[in-house]
Amino acid sequence: MECVGKLRFSFPSAKKALEAKKALGKGGPKTERSKVNVSVKGKQLVVEISATDTVALRAAMNTYLRHMKVIEELGV
């Protein structure tokens, strides 16, 4: 079974969204169980995750949520 999820983060400007994408770098760890695509669409940073199971999906989503929390706290 393939599980998919999408996280959208809104920023005040497209420039801030691009800065956040850059701050993420390569993002979370690469695994065989999940794949992640990070893109910027206007003022939004979009994280699309596909995983082989719900546990891997939850782990990947939590990783990106933690990363975004740090980016928010740093004021990127």
PDB file of N, CA and C in Angstrom:
ATOM      1  N   MET A   1       0.839  -1.174   0.000  1.00  0.00           N
ATOM      2  CA  MET A   1       0.000   0.000   0.000  1.00  0.00           C
ATOM      3  C   MET A   1       0.886   1.241   0.000  1.00  0.00           C
ATOM      4  N   GLU A   2       0.569   2.183  -0.863  1.00  0.00           N
ATOM      5  CA  GLU A   2       1.305   3.450  -0.878  1.00  0.00           C
ATOM      6  C   GLU A   2       0.515   4.486  -0.087  1.00  0.00           C
ATOM      7  N   CYS A   3       1.233   5.195   0.767  1.00  0.00           N
ATOM      8  CA  CYS A   3       0.630   6.261   1.573  1.00  0.00           C
ATOM      9  C   CYS A   3       1.235   7.580   1.114  1.00  0.00           C
ATOM     10  N   VAL A   4       0.403   8.605   1.004  1.00  0.00           N
ATOM     11  CA  VAL A   4       0.886   9.912   0.567  1.00  0.00           C
ATOM     12  C   VAL A   4       0.382  10.998   1.512  1.00  0.00           C
ATOM     13  N   GLY A   5       1.179  12.043   1.622  1.00  0.00           N
ATOM     14  CA  GLY A   5       0.801  13.180   2.440  1.00  0.00           C
ATOM     15  C   GLY A   5       1.412  14.447   1.884  1.00  0.00           C
ATOM     16  N   LYS A   6       0.790  15.571   2.197  1.00  0.00           N
ATOM     17  CA  LYS A   6       1.288  16.849   1.704  1.00  0.00           C
ATOM     18  C   LYS A   6       1.220  17.861   2.835  1.00  0.00           C
ATOM     19  N   LEU A   7       2.316  18.580   3.033  1.00  0.00           N
ATOM     20  CA  LEU A   7       2.371  19.659   4.011  1.00  0.00           C
ATOM     21  C   LEU A   7       2.535  20.963   3.246  1.00  0.00           C
ATOM     22  N   ARG A   8       1.760  21.973   3.611  1.00  0.00           N
ATOM     23  CA  ARG A   8       1.864  23.295   2.976  1.00  0.00           C
ATOM     24  C   ARG A   8       2.143  24.326   4.060  1.00  0.00           C
ATOM     25  N   PHE A   9       3.177  25.124   3.828  1.00  0.00           N
ATOM     26  CA  PHE A   9       3.555  26.176   4.759  1.00  0.00           C
ATOM     27  C   PHE A   9       3.488  27.507   4.031  1.00  0.00           C
ATOM     28  N   SER A  10       2.722  28.440   4.577  1.00  0.00           N
ATOM     29  CA  SER A  10       2.558  29.757   3.948  1.00  0.00           C
ATOM     30  C   SER A  10       3.536  30.753   4.535  1.00  0.00           C
ATOM     31  N   PHE A  11       4.095  31.585   3.670  1.00  0.00           N
ATOM     32  CA  PHE A  11       5.059  32.607   4.062  1.00  0.00           C
ATOM     33  C   PHE A  11       4.563  33.969   3.586  1.00  0.00           C
ATOM     34  N   PRO A  12       5.116  35.041   4.162  1.00  0.00           N
ATOM     35  CA  PRO A  12       4.677  36.376   3.752  1.00  0.00           C
ATOM     36  C   PRO A  12       5.050  36.732   2.317  1.00  0.00           C
ATOM     37  N   SER A  13       6.076  36.062   1.775  1.00  0.00           N
ATOM     38  CA  SER A  13       6.496  36.344   0.400  1.00  0.00           C
ATOM     39  C   SER A  13       7.102  35.089  -0.225  1.00  0.00           C
ATOM     40  N   ALA A  14       7.183  35.090  -1.551  1.00  0.00           N
ATOM     41  CA  ALA A  14       7.805  33.975  -2.266  1.00  0.00           C
ATOM     42  C   ALA A  14       9.288  33.884  -1.911  1.00  0.00           C
ATOM     43  N   LYS A  15       9.910  35.026  -1.676  1.00  0.00           N
ATOM     44  CA  LYS A  15      11.328  35.044  -1.304  1.00  0.00           C
ATOM     45  C   LYS A  15      11.549  34.292   0.015  1.00  0.00           C
ATOM     46  N   LYS A  16      10.668  34.516   0.989  1.00  0.00           N
ATOM     47  CA  LYS A  16      10.782  33.822   2.282  1.00  0.00           C
ATOM     48  C   LYS A  16      10.567  32.319   2.114  1.00  0.00           C
ATOM     49  N   ALA A  17       9.640  31.942   1.238  1.00  0.00           N
ATOM     50  CA  ALA A  17       9.397  30.524   0.981  1.00  0.00           C
ATOM     51  C   ALA A  17      10.632  29.870   0.362  1.00  0.00           C
ATOM     52  N   LEU A  18      11.284  30.573  -0.570  1.00  0.00           N
ATOM     53  CA  LEU A  18      12.513  30.054  -1.182  1.00  0.00           C
ATOM     54  C   LEU A  18      13.640  29.943  -0.160  1.00  0.00           C
ATOM     55  N   GLU A  19      13.722  30.920   0.743  1.00  0.00           N
ATOM     56  CA  GLU A  19      14.738  30.868   1.800  1.00  0.00           C
ATOM     57  C   GLU A  19      14.513  29.669   2.709  1.00  0.00           C
ATOM     58  N   ALA A  20      13.259  29.389   3.018  1.00  0.00           N
ATOM     59  CA  ALA A  20      12.946  28.232   3.859  1.00  0.00           C
ATOM     60  C   ALA A  20      13.319  26.933   3.148  1.00  0.00           C
ATOM     61  N   LYS A  21      13.044  26.873   1.845  1.00  0.00           N
ATOM     62  CA  LYS A  21      13.423  25.676   1.075  1.00  0.00           C
ATOM     63  C   LYS A  21      14.928  25.487   1.103  1.00  0.00           C
ATOM     64  N   LYS A  22      15.651  26.573   0.933  1.00  0.00           N
ATOM     65  CA  LYS A  22      17.110  26.508   0.972  1.00  0.00           C
ATOM     66  C   LYS A  22      17.590  26.066   2.354  1.00  0.00           C
ATOM     67  N   ALA A  23      16.943  26.577   3.415  1.00  0.00           N
ATOM     68  CA  ALA A  23      17.323  26.205   4.782  1.00  0.00           C
ATOM     69  C   ALA A  23      17.082  24.724   5.044  1.00  0.00           C
ATOM     70  N   LEU A  24      16.072  24.152   4.397  1.00  0.00           N
ATOM     71  CA  LEU A  24      15.815  22.723   4.563  1.00  0.00           C
ATOM     72  C   LEU A  24      16.941  21.887   3.979  1.00  0.00           C
ATOM     73  N   GLY A  25      17.622  22.424   2.976  1.00  0.00           N
ATOM     74  CA  GLY A  25      18.684  21.660   2.332  1.00  0.00           C
ATOM     75  C   GLY A  25      18.111  20.402   1.714  1.00  0.00           C
ATOM     76  N   LYS A  26      18.739  19.299   1.980  1.00  0.00           N
ATOM     77  CA  LYS A  26      18.269  18.009   1.472  1.00  0.00           C
ATOM     78  C   LYS A  26      17.149  17.452   2.339  1.00  0.00           C
ATOM     79  N   GLY A  27      16.827  18.139   3.413  1.00  0.00           N
ATOM     80  CA  GLY A  27      15.705  17.711   4.254  1.00  0.00           C
ATOM     81  C   GLY A  27      16.043  16.531   5.123  1.00  0.00           C
ATOM     82  N   GLY A  28      15.110  15.638   5.257  1.00  0.00           N
ATOM     83  CA  GLY A  28      15.254  14.491   6.148  1.00  0.00           C
ATOM     84  C   GLY A  28      16.126  13.401   5.552  1.00  0.00           C
ATOM     85  N   PRO A  29      16.312  12.362   6.329  1.00  0.00           N
ATOM     86  CA  PRO A  29      17.133  11.246   5.866  1.00  0.00           C
ATOM     87  C   PRO A  29      16.479  10.518   4.694  1.00  0.00           C
ATOM     88  N   LYS A  30      17.297  10.039   3.783  1.00  0.00           N
ATOM     89  CA  LYS A  30      16.792   9.277   2.641  1.00  0.00           C
ATOM     90  C   LYS A  30      16.588   7.824   3.095  1.00  0.00           C
ATOM     91  N   THR A  31      15.425   7.296   2.803  1.00  0.00           N
ATOM     92  CA  THR A  31      15.149   5.903   3.152  1.00  0.00           C
ATOM     93  C   THR A  31      14.520   5.197   1.965  1.00  0.00           C
ATOM     94  N   GLU A  32      14.500   3.896   2.036  1.00  0.00           N
ATOM     95  CA  GLU A  32      13.855   3.113   0.986  1.00  0.00           C
ATOM     96  C   GLU A  32      12.343   3.139   1.147  1.00  0.00           C
ATOM     97  N   ARG A  33      11.877   3.534   2.330  1.00  0.00           N
ATOM     98  CA  ARG A  33      10.454   3.483   2.632  1.00  0.00           C
ATOM     99  C   ARG A  33       9.710   4.781   2.328  1.00  0.00           C
ATOM    100  N   SER A  34      10.428   5.879   2.122  1.00  0.00           N
ATOM    101  CA  SER A  34       9.737   7.137   1.840  1.00  0.00           C
ATOM    102  C   SER A  34      10.526   7.991   0.856  1.00  0.00           C
ATOM    103  N   LYS A  35       9.783   8.782   0.096  1.00  0.00           N
ATOM    104  CA  LYS A  35      10.362   9.724  -0.852  1.00  0.00           C
ATOM    105  C   LYS A  35       9.709  11.073  -0.615  1.00  0.00           C
ATOM    106  N   VAL A  36      10.512  12.139  -0.731  1.00  0.00           N
ATOM    107  CA  VAL A  36      10.030  13.478  -0.433  1.00  0.00           C
ATOM    108  C   VAL A  36      10.366  14.421  -1.582  1.00  0.00           C
ATOM    109  N   ASN A  37       9.417  15.270  -1.916  1.00  0.00           N
ATOM    110  CA  ASN A  37       9.636  16.316  -2.901  1.00  0.00           C
ATOM    111  C   ASN A  37       9.273  17.648  -2.260  1.00  0.00           C
ATOM    112  N   VAL A  38      10.218  18.587  -2.258  1.00  0.00           N
ATOM    113  CA  VAL A  38       9.978  19.912  -1.682  1.00  0.00           C
ATOM    114  C   VAL A  38       9.977  20.921  -2.822  1.00  0.00           C
ATOM    115  N   SER A  39       8.927  21.750  -2.881  1.00  0.00           N
ATOM    116  CA  SER A  39       8.831  22.762  -3.934  1.00  0.00           C
ATOM    117  C   SER A  39       8.233  24.041  -3.360  1.00  0.00           C
ATOM    118  N   VAL A  40       8.388  25.111  -4.125  1.00  0.00           N
ATOM    119  CA  VAL A  40       7.804  26.394  -3.752  1.00  0.00           C
ATOM    120  C   VAL A  40       6.778  26.752  -4.821  1.00  0.00           C
ATOM    121  N   LYS A  41       5.573  27.064  -4.363  1.00  0.00           N
ATOM    122  CA  LYS A  41       4.494  27.486  -5.260  1.00  0.00           C
ATOM    123  C   LYS A  41       3.971  28.814  -4.742  1.00  0.00           C
ATOM    124  N   GLY A  42       4.442  29.872  -5.363  1.00  0.00           N
ATOM    125  CA  GLY A  42       4.064  31.209  -4.897  1.00  0.00           C
ATOM    126  C   GLY A  42       4.661  31.478  -3.526  1.00  0.00           C
ATOM    127  N   LYS A  43       3.804  31.757  -2.567  1.00  0.00           N
ATOM    128  CA  LYS A  43       4.244  32.048  -1.205  1.00  0.00           C
ATOM    129  C   LYS A  43       4.214  30.808  -0.319  1.00  0.00           C
ATOM    130  N   GLN A  44       4.014  29.648  -0.929  1.00  0.00           N
ATOM    131  CA  GLN A  44       3.917  28.418  -0.150  1.00  0.00           C
ATOM    132  C   GLN A  44       5.077  27.480  -0.416  1.00  0.00           C
ATOM    133  N   LEU A  45       5.535  26.855   0.663  1.00  0.00           N
ATOM    134  CA  LEU A  45       6.500  25.769   0.587  1.00  0.00           C
ATOM    135  C   LEU A  45       5.678  24.488   0.694  1.00  0.00           C
ATOM    136  N   VAL A  46       5.822  23.607  -0.283  1.00  0.00           N
ATOM    137  CA  VAL A  46       5.024  22.383  -0.330  1.00  0.00           C
ATOM    138  C   VAL A  46       5.948  21.183  -0.175  1.00  0.00           C
ATOM    139  N   VAL A  47       5.637  20.343   0.809  1.00  0.00           N
ATOM    140  CA  VAL A  47       6.393  19.111   1.053  1.00  0.00           C
ATOM    141  C   VAL A  47       5.460  17.948   0.735  1.00  0.00           C
ATOM    142  N   GLU A  48       5.799  17.197  -0.317  1.00  0.00           N
ATOM    143  CA  GLU A  48       4.996  16.041  -0.725  1.00  0.00           C
ATOM    144  C   GLU A  48       5.759  14.774  -0.363  1.00  0.00           C
ATOM    145  N   ILE A  49       5.094  13.900   0.354  1.00  0.00           N
ATOM    146  CA  ILE A  49       5.739  12.687   0.857  1.00  0.00           C
ATOM    147  C   ILE A  49       4.952  11.474   0.384  1.00  0.00           C
ATOM    148  N   SER A  50       5.666  10.484  -0.134  1.00  0.00           N
ATOM    149  CA  SER A  50       5.044   9.194  -0.427  1.00  0.00           C
ATOM    150  C   SER A  50       5.854   8.137   0.318  1.00  0.00           C
ATOM    151  N   ALA A  51       5.146   7.183   0.886  1.00  0.00           N
ATOM    152  CA  ALA A  51       5.799   6.169   1.703  1.00  0.00           C
ATOM    153  C   ALA A  51       5.150   4.810   1.461  1.00  0.00           C
ATOM    154  N   THR A  52       5.874   3.780   1.839  1.00  0.00           N
ATOM    155  CA  THR A  52       5.370   2.420   1.651  1.00  0.00           C
ATOM    156  C   THR A  52       4.376   2.014   2.728  1.00  0.00           C
ATOM    157  N   ASP A  53       4.377   2.731   3.875  1.00  0.00           N
ATOM    158  CA  ASP A  53       3.452   2.399   4.957  1.00  0.00           C
ATOM    159  C   ASP A  53       3.204   3.633   5.820  1.00  0.00           C
ATOM    160  N   THR A  54       2.205   3.548   6.673  1.00  0.00           N
ATOM    161  CA  THR A  54       1.811   4.702   7.479  1.00  0.00           C
ATOM    162  C   THR A  54       2.871   5.100   8.497  1.00  0.00           C
ATOM    163  N   VAL A  55       3.618   4.150   9.003  1.00  0.00           N
ATOM    164  CA  VAL A  55       4.669   4.467   9.981  1.00  0.00           C
ATOM    165  C   VAL A  55       5.765   5.307   9.326  1.00  0.00           C
ATOM    166  N   ALA A  56       6.167   4.930   8.133  1.00  0.00           N
ATOM    167  CA  ALA A  56       7.188   5.694   7.405  1.00  0.00           C
ATOM    168  C   ALA A  56       6.666   7.077   7.030  1.00  0.00           C
ATOM    169  N   LEU A  57       5.389   7.163   6.648  1.00  0.00           N
ATOM    170  CA  LEU A  57       4.793   8.459   6.320  1.00  0.00           C
ATOM    171  C   LEU A  57       4.795   9.368   7.548  1.00  0.00           C
ATOM    172  N   ARG A  58       4.369   8.848   8.678  1.00  0.00           N
ATOM    173  CA  ARG A  58       4.334   9.635   9.915  1.00  0.00           C
ATOM    174  C   ARG A  58       5.728  10.097  10.311  1.00  0.00           C
ATOM    175  N   ALA A  59       6.709   9.219  10.198  1.00  0.00           N
ATOM    176  CA  ALA A  59       8.085   9.578  10.550  1.00  0.00           C
ATOM    177  C   ALA A  59       8.610  10.696   9.653  1.00  0.00           C
ATOM    178  N   ALA A  60       8.370  10.596   8.354  1.00  0.00           N
ATOM    179  CA  ALA A  60       8.831  11.626   7.423  1.00  0.00           C
ATOM    180  C   ALA A  60       8.126  12.951   7.686  1.00  0.00           C
ATOM    181  N   MET A  61       6.817  12.899   7.925  1.00  0.00           N
ATOM    182  CA  MET A  61       6.069  14.132   8.192  1.00  0.00           C
ATOM    183  C   MET A  61       6.571  14.790   9.483  1.00  0.00           C
ATOM    184  N   ASN A  62       6.777  13.998  10.508  1.00  0.00           N
ATOM    185  CA  ASN A  62       7.282  14.550  11.765  1.00  0.00           C
ATOM    186  C   ASN A  62       8.653  15.191  11.594  1.00  0.00           C
ATOM    187  N   THR A  63       9.501  14.587  10.783  1.00  0.00           N
ATOM    188  CA  THR A  63      10.824  15.145  10.522  1.00  0.00           C
ATOM    189  C   THR A  63      10.701  16.535   9.902  1.00  0.00           C
ATOM    190  N   TYR A  64       9.862  16.669   8.884  1.00  0.00           N
ATOM    191  CA  TYR A  64       9.712  17.964   8.220  1.00  0.00           C
ATOM    192  C   TYR A  64       9.004  18.980   9.105  1.00  0.00           C
ATOM    193  N   LEU A  65       8.071  18.539   9.920  1.00  0.00           N
ATOM    194  CA  LEU A  65       7.424  19.461  10.859  1.00  0.00           C
ATOM    195  C   LEU A  65       8.435  20.004  11.876  1.00  0.00           C
ATOM    196  N   ARG A  66       9.325  19.142  12.350  1.00  0.00           N
ATOM    197  CA  ARG A  66      10.381  19.604  13.276  1.00  0.00           C
ATOM    198  C   ARG A  66      11.318  20.573  12.590  1.00  0.00           C
ATOM    199  N   HIS A  67      11.721  20.266  11.364  1.00  0.00           N
ATOM    200  CA  HIS A  67      12.603  21.167  10.617  1.00  0.00           C
ATOM    201  C   HIS A  67      11.941  22.527  10.418  1.00  0.00           C
ATOM    202  N   MET A  68      10.667  22.520  10.069  1.00  0.00           N
ATOM    203  CA  MET A  68       9.968  23.780   9.841  1.00  0.00           C
ATOM    204  C   MET A  68       9.800  24.563  11.135  1.00  0.00           C
ATOM    205  N   LYS A  69       9.641  23.881  12.259  1.00  0.00           N
ATOM    206  CA  LYS A  69       9.555  24.560  13.550  1.00  0.00           C
ATOM    207  C   LYS A  69      10.857  25.307  13.846  1.00  0.00           C
ATOM    208  N   VAL A  70      11.993  24.672  13.561  1.00  0.00           N
ATOM    209  CA  VAL A  70      13.295  25.312  13.763  1.00  0.00           C
ATOM    210  C   VAL A  70      13.437  26.513  12.829  1.00  0.00           C
ATOM    211  N   ILE A  71      13.051  26.354  11.574  1.00  0.00           N
ATOM    212  CA  ILE A  71      13.131  27.453  10.609  1.00  0.00           C
ATOM    213  C   ILE A  71      12.262  28.625  11.079  1.00  0.00           C
ATOM    214  N   GLU A  72      11.081  28.318  11.580  1.00  0.00           N
ATOM    215  CA  GLU A  72      10.194  29.370  12.090  1.00  0.00           C
ATOM    216  C   GLU A  72      10.827  30.083  13.281  1.00  0.00           C
ATOM    217  N   GLU A  73      11.409  29.327  14.202  1.00  0.00           N
ATOM    218  CA  GLU A  73      12.028  29.924  15.385  1.00  0.00           C
ATOM    219  C   GLU A  73      13.235  30.789  15.031  1.00  0.00           C
ATOM    220  N   LEU A  74      13.937  30.427  13.970  1.00  0.00           N
ATOM    221  CA  LEU A  74      15.085  31.219  13.533  1.00  0.00           C
ATOM    222  C   LEU A  74      14.674  32.453  12.734  1.00  0.00           C
ATOM    223  N   GLY A  75      13.422  32.489  12.332  1.00  0.00           N
ATOM    224  CA  GLY A  75      12.921  33.640  11.595  1.00  0.00           C
ATOM    225  C   GLY A  75      13.337  33.692  10.151  1.00  0.00           C
ATOM    226  N   VAL A  76      13.563  32.548   9.553  1.00  0.00           N
ATOM    227  CA  VAL A  76      13.953  32.490   8.146  1.00  0.00           C
ATOM    228  C   VAL A  76      12.809  32.918   7.279  1.00  0.00           C
TER     229      VAL A  76
END
